[in-house]
Protein backbone atom coordinates (compact mmCIF):
# COMPACT_ATOMS: atom_id res chain seq x y z
CA MET A 1 -0.66 0.09 0.19
CA ASP A 2 1.21 3.38 -0.59
CA LEU A 3 1.94 5.37 2.40
CA GLU A 4 1.09 9.28 0.15
CA ASN A 5 -2.13 8.04 -1.15
CA ALA A 6 -2.76 6.85 2.43
CA GLN A 7 -2.65 9.71 3.96
CA VAL A 8 -3.82 12.16 0.91
CA GLN A 9 -7.00 10.19 1.31
CA MET A 10 -7.69 10.61 4.53
CA ARG A 11 -6.96 14.82 3.84
CA LYS A 12 -9.80 14.04 1.75
CA GLY A 13 -12.25 12.23 3.42
CA ILE A 14 -12.32 15.42 5.77
CA LEU A 15 -11.46 18.31 3.30
CA GLU A 16 -15.77 19.09 3.17
CA TYR A 17 -15.96 18.78 6.97
CA CYS A 18 -13.23 21.85 7.21
CA ILE A 19 -13.94 24.46 4.74
CA LEU A 20 -17.66 24.14 6.69
CA HIS A 21 -16.31 25.04 9.53
CA ILE A 22 -14.03 27.48 8.39
CA ILE A 23 -17.06 29.40 6.47
CA SER A 24 -19.44 28.83 9.49
CA ARG A 25 -17.66 31.42 11.02
CA GLY A 26 -18.34 34.47 8.59
CA GLU A 27 -17.71 35.66 5.41
CA ILE A 28 -14.86 35.09 3.64
CA TYR A 29 -12.96 34.52 1.12
CA ALA A 30 -11.23 32.05 -1.01
CA SER A 31 -8.00 32.24 -0.98
CA GLU A 32 -8.42 32.84 2.83
CA ILE A 33 -9.90 29.52 3.39
CA LEU A 34 -7.14 28.20 1.08
CA ASP A 35 -4.70 30.12 3.19
CA GLU A 36 -6.20 28.39 6.73
CA LEU A 37 -6.37 24.73 4.64
CA ILE A 38 -2.12 25.57 3.79
CA ASN A 39 -1.31 26.47 7.25
CA ALA A 40 -3.43 23.38 8.78
CA ARG A 41 -1.40 21.12 6.41
CA ILE A 42 -4.34 20.30 4.69
CA MET A 43 -2.16 20.62 0.82
CA VAL A 44 -5.64 21.54 -1.63
CA VAL A 45 -5.26 23.96 -4.18
CA GLU A 46 -7.09 26.19 -6.16
CA GLY A 47 -8.43 23.90 -8.93
CA THR A 48 -9.89 21.37 -6.27
CA LEU A 49 -10.84 24.06 -4.33
CA TYR A 50 -13.07 25.73 -5.97
CA PRO A 51 -14.81 23.24 -7.38
CA LEU A 52 -15.97 21.71 -4.14
CA LEU A 53 -16.96 25.31 -3.46
CA THR A 54 -19.30 25.68 -6.34
CA ARG A 55 -20.77 22.09 -5.52
CA LEU A 56 -21.40 22.90 -2.09
CA LYS A 57 -23.43 26.42 -3.03
CA ASN A 58 -24.74 24.13 -5.75
CA SER A 59 -26.22 21.81 -2.36
CA GLY A 60 -27.87 24.28 -0.99
CA LEU A 61 -24.94 24.58 2.04
CA LEU A 62 -23.72 27.53 1.10
CA ASP A 63 -23.93 30.80 -0.51
CA TYR A 64 -22.01 34.28 -1.69
CA LYS A 65 -21.87 38.14 -2.01
CA TRP A 66 -20.00 40.04 -4.05
CA VAL A 67 -18.07 42.78 -2.93
CA GLU A 68 -16.41 45.27 -4.07
CA SER A 69 -12.26 45.75 -3.85
CA THR A 70 -9.84 48.68 -3.51
CA SER A 71 -7.86 46.42 -5.15
CA GLY A 72 -8.91 45.24 -7.55
CA PRO A 73 -12.23 43.13 -8.66
CA PRO A 74 -15.14 42.64 -6.16
CA ARG A 75 -14.44 39.71 -3.96
CA LYS A 76 -16.55 36.20 -3.82
CA TYR A 77 -16.91 35.97 0.24
CA TYR A 78 -18.82 33.19 1.36
CA VAL A 79 -21.29 32.04 4.26
CA LEU A 80 -23.33 28.90 5.46
CA THR A 81 -27.10 29.09 4.24
CA ASP A 82 -28.99 27.51 7.35
CA THR A 83 -29.20 23.85 5.74
CA GLY A 84 -25.26 24.10 5.74
CA GLN A 85 -25.46 24.97 9.68
CA LEU A 86 -27.78 22.25 10.45
CA PHE A 87 -25.31 20.35 8.24
CA LEU A 88 -22.65 21.17 9.45
CA ASP A 89 -24.16 19.91 12.75
CA ASN A 90 -24.86 17.19 11.82
CA LEU A 91 -20.88 16.63 10.82
CA ASN A 92 -19.51 17.50 13.65
CA SER A 93 -21.60 14.45 15.99
CA THR A 94 -20.15 12.19 13.15
CA TRP A 95 -16.50 14.39 13.55
CA ASN A 96 -16.72 13.22 17.58
CA GLU A 97 -18.27 9.81 17.56
CA LEU A 98 -15.39 8.79 14.73
CA SER A 99 -13.22 10.59 16.78
CA ASP A 100 -14.19 8.55 19.90
CA SER A 101 -14.25 5.81 18.64
CA VAL A 102 -10.91 5.81 16.55
CA THR A 103 -9.10 7.26 20.08
CA THR A 104 -10.09 4.86 21.55
CA ILE A 105 -8.99 2.26 19.11
CA ILE A 106 -5.27 3.33 18.87
CA SER A 107 -5.02 4.30 22.55
CA LYS A 108 -5.64 0.53 23.99
CA LYS A 109 -2.68 -1.15 24.81
CA THR A 110 -0.80 -4.09 23.34
CA LYS A 111 -1.59 -7.57 24.33
């Protein structure tokens, strides 16, 4: 088994959850989302982020608004919809259960 591929798959599995969590804090520009993900060592590129944001918006989980910029073209700021917040709340419950389960398994001592 390829370790790098396994690591990529683990990160990919939580990417949507992390993006929703970041956006849940308030209006945010896509490049700020990208920066936070990269700083958290969840390696993602614009070519991955923008289609995912579009998919989340088309699913009714996100909305956006255009804000004029003093340093260039208008910027698209993302926010969670009420449906998106409910979806995130459910993902939080799932994450907590999964995290507890994994911690139980990996902390068990060898016989």
